[in-house]
Amino acid sequence: MLRQIADEAEAIENEHVTEIRSSLKICLQQFSQPHQKLLLAPYLSGGQVKRIANDCGKSVNALYKLLGRLRQKLSTCIESRLQAGS
């Protein structure tokens, strides 16, 4: 009985993760190509913010602010898609 409950919980969790990934992909596509690259850069380049800032021609502080705004927009998009799907 416990195993069945655990299996059902795992299936629900996997479905939720799939929904989040799908929403992330769709929402990322709504950003311009440079903003998509900027959003993904900290994860793909080992998080070297100073190097990313130099590559973009921005100060580290300006990059953090821009990333914060972009991440907030991305988060809002994902949340609204997930709520609409509920």
C-alpha atoms as a PDB file:
ATOM      1  CA  MET A   1       0.000   0.000   0.000  1.00  0.00           C
ATOM      2  CA  LEU A   2       2.765   2.452   0.915  1.00  0.00           C
ATOM      3  CA  ARG A   3       4.659   1.599  -2.257  1.00  0.00           C
ATOM      4  CA  GLN A   4       1.590   2.369  -4.374  1.00  0.00           C
ATOM      5  CA  ILE A   5       1.156   5.741  -2.655  1.00  0.00           C
ATOM      6  CA  ALA A   6       4.849   6.527  -3.175  1.00  0.00           C
ATOM      7  CA  ASP A   7       4.625   5.555  -6.860  1.00  0.00           C
ATOM      8  CA  GLU A   8       1.563   7.767  -7.368  1.00  0.00           C
ATOM      9  CA  ALA A   9       3.263  10.688  -5.617  1.00  0.00           C
ATOM     10  CA  GLU A  10       6.346  10.249  -7.801  1.00  0.00           C
ATOM     11  CA  ALA A  11       4.209  10.185 -10.956  1.00  0.00           C
ATOM     12  CA  ILE A  12       2.467  13.412  -9.924  1.00  0.00           C
ATOM     13  CA  GLU A  13       5.821  15.046  -9.155  1.00  0.00           C
ATOM     14  CA  ASN A  14       7.260  13.973 -12.521  1.00  0.00           C
ATOM     15  CA  GLU A  15       4.228  15.389 -14.323  1.00  0.00           C
ATOM     16  CA  HIS A  16       4.630  18.704 -12.476  1.00  0.00           C
ATOM     17  CA  VAL A  17       8.331  18.903 -13.382  1.00  0.00           C
ATOM     18  CA  THR A  18       7.428  18.257 -17.022  1.00  0.00           C
ATOM     19  CA  GLU A  19       4.859  21.079 -16.926  1.00  0.00           C
ATOM     20  CA  ILE A  20       7.419  23.465 -15.419  1.00  0.00           C
ATOM     21  CA  ARG A  21      10.037  22.592 -18.043  1.00  0.00           C
ATOM     22  CA  SER A  22       7.524  23.031 -20.838  1.00  0.00           C
ATOM     23  CA  SER A  23       6.456  26.419 -19.464  1.00  0.00           C
ATOM     24  CA  LEU A  24      10.089  27.463 -19.068  1.00  0.00           C
ATOM     25  CA  LYS A  25      10.848  26.590 -22.684  1.00  0.00           C
ATOM     26  CA  ILE A  26       7.807  28.456 -24.011  1.00  0.00           C
ATOM     27  CA  CYS A  27       8.423  31.503 -21.821  1.00  0.00           C
ATOM     28  CA  LEU A  28      12.113  31.684 -22.725  1.00  0.00           C
ATOM     29  CA  GLN A  29      11.143  31.815 -26.401  1.00  0.00           C
ATOM     30  CA  GLN A  30       9.202  35.018 -25.712  1.00  0.00           C
ATOM     31  CA  PHE A  31      12.463  36.846 -24.943  1.00  0.00           C
ATOM     32  CA  SER A  32      14.794  38.264 -27.561  1.00  0.00           C
ATOM     33  CA  GLN A  33      17.768  36.091 -28.486  1.00  0.00           C
ATOM     34  CA  PRO A  34      20.256  38.279 -26.548  1.00  0.00           C
ATOM     35  CA  HIS A  35      18.061  38.159 -23.442  1.00  0.00           C
ATOM     36  CA  GLN A  36      17.677  34.380 -23.754  1.00  0.00           C
ATOM     37  CA  LYS A  37      21.453  34.026 -23.889  1.00  0.00           C
ATOM     38  CA  LEU A  38      21.845  36.349 -20.926  1.00  0.00           C
ATOM     39  CA  LEU A  39      19.297  34.415 -18.850  1.00  0.00           C
ATOM     40  CA  LEU A  40      21.065  31.128 -19.561  1.00  0.00           C
ATOM     41  CA  ALA A  41      24.659  32.379 -19.401  1.00  0.00           C
ATOM     42  CA  PRO A  42      25.184  32.127 -15.615  1.00  0.00           C
ATOM     43  CA  TYR A  43      24.208  28.447 -15.748  1.00  0.00           C
ATOM     44  CA  LEU A  44      26.119  27.572 -18.903  1.00  0.00           C
ATOM     45  CA  SER A  45      29.341  29.436 -18.141  1.00  0.00           C
ATOM     46  CA  GLY A  46      29.817  28.376 -14.546  1.00  0.00           C
ATOM     47  CA  GLY A  47      28.296  31.561 -13.161  1.00  0.00           C
ATOM     48  CA  GLN A  48      31.221  33.862 -13.962  1.00  0.00           C
ATOM     49  CA  VAL A  49      29.204  37.059 -13.723  1.00  0.00           C
ATOM     50  CA  LYS A  50      32.191  39.386 -14.118  1.00  0.00           C
ATOM     51  CA  ARG A  51      33.166  37.748 -17.420  1.00  0.00           C
ATOM     52  CA  ILE A  52      29.573  37.790 -18.653  1.00  0.00           C
ATOM     53  CA  ALA A  53      29.299  41.486 -17.753  1.00  0.00           C
ATOM     54  CA  ASN A  54      32.510  42.248 -19.645  1.00  0.00           C
ATOM     55  CA  ASP A  55      31.271  40.280 -22.673  1.00  0.00           C
ATOM     56  CA  CYS A  56      28.014  42.277 -22.625  1.00  0.00           C
ATOM     57  CA  GLY A  57      29.762  45.606 -22.083  1.00  0.00           C
ATOM     58  CA  LYS A  58      27.951  46.164 -18.776  1.00  0.00           C
ATOM     59  CA  SER A  59      29.060  46.650 -15.206  1.00  0.00           C
ATOM     60  CA  VAL A  60      28.535  43.720 -12.852  1.00  0.00           C
ATOM     61  CA  ASN A  61      25.897  45.729 -10.974  1.00  0.00           C
ATOM     62  CA  ALA A  62      24.021  46.593 -14.175  1.00  0.00           C
ATOM     63  CA  LEU A  63      24.101  42.946 -15.225  1.00  0.00           C
ATOM     64  CA  TYR A  64      22.666  41.807 -11.890  1.00  0.00           C
ATOM     65  CA  LYS A  65      19.861  44.358 -12.178  1.00  0.00           C
ATOM     66  CA  LEU A  66      19.047  43.342 -15.750  1.00  0.00           C
ATOM     67  CA  LEU A  67      19.150  39.654 -14.851  1.00  0.00           C
ATOM     68  CA  GLY A  68      16.846  40.337 -11.910  1.00  0.00           C
ATOM     69  CA  ARG A  69      14.285  42.030 -14.141  1.00  0.00           C
ATOM     70  CA  LEU A  70      14.509  39.312 -16.789  1.00  0.00           C
ATOM     71  CA  ARG A  71      14.204  36.536 -14.205  1.00  0.00           C
ATOM     72  CA  GLN A  72      11.156  38.227 -12.672  1.00  0.00           C
ATOM     73  CA  LYS A  73       9.472  38.415 -16.089  1.00  0.00           C
ATOM     74  CA  LEU A  74      10.354  34.778 -16.733  1.00  0.00           C
ATOM     75  CA  SER A  75       9.020  33.710 -13.345  1.00  0.00           C
ATOM     76  CA  THR A  76       5.768  35.620 -13.867  1.00  0.00           C
ATOM     77  CA  CYS A  77       5.303  34.008 -17.277  1.00  0.00           C
ATOM     78  CA  ILE A  78       5.915  30.506 -15.914  1.00  0.00           C
ATOM     79  CA  GLU A  79       3.589  31.014 -12.951  1.00  0.00           C
ATOM     80  CA  SER A  80       0.777  32.329 -15.142  1.00  0.00           C
ATOM     81  CA  ARG A  81       1.140  29.386 -17.546  1.00  0.00           C
ATOM     82  CA  LEU A  82       1.083  26.905 -14.666  1.00  0.00           C
ATOM     83  CA  GLN A  83      -1.975  28.559 -13.111  1.00  0.00           C
ATOM     84  CA  ALA A  84      -3.771  28.566 -16.453  1.00  0.00           C
ATOM     85  CA  GLY A  85      -3.066  24.860 -16.782  1.00  0.00           C
ATOM     86  CA  SER A  86      -4.466  24.039 -13.330  1.00  0.00           C
END
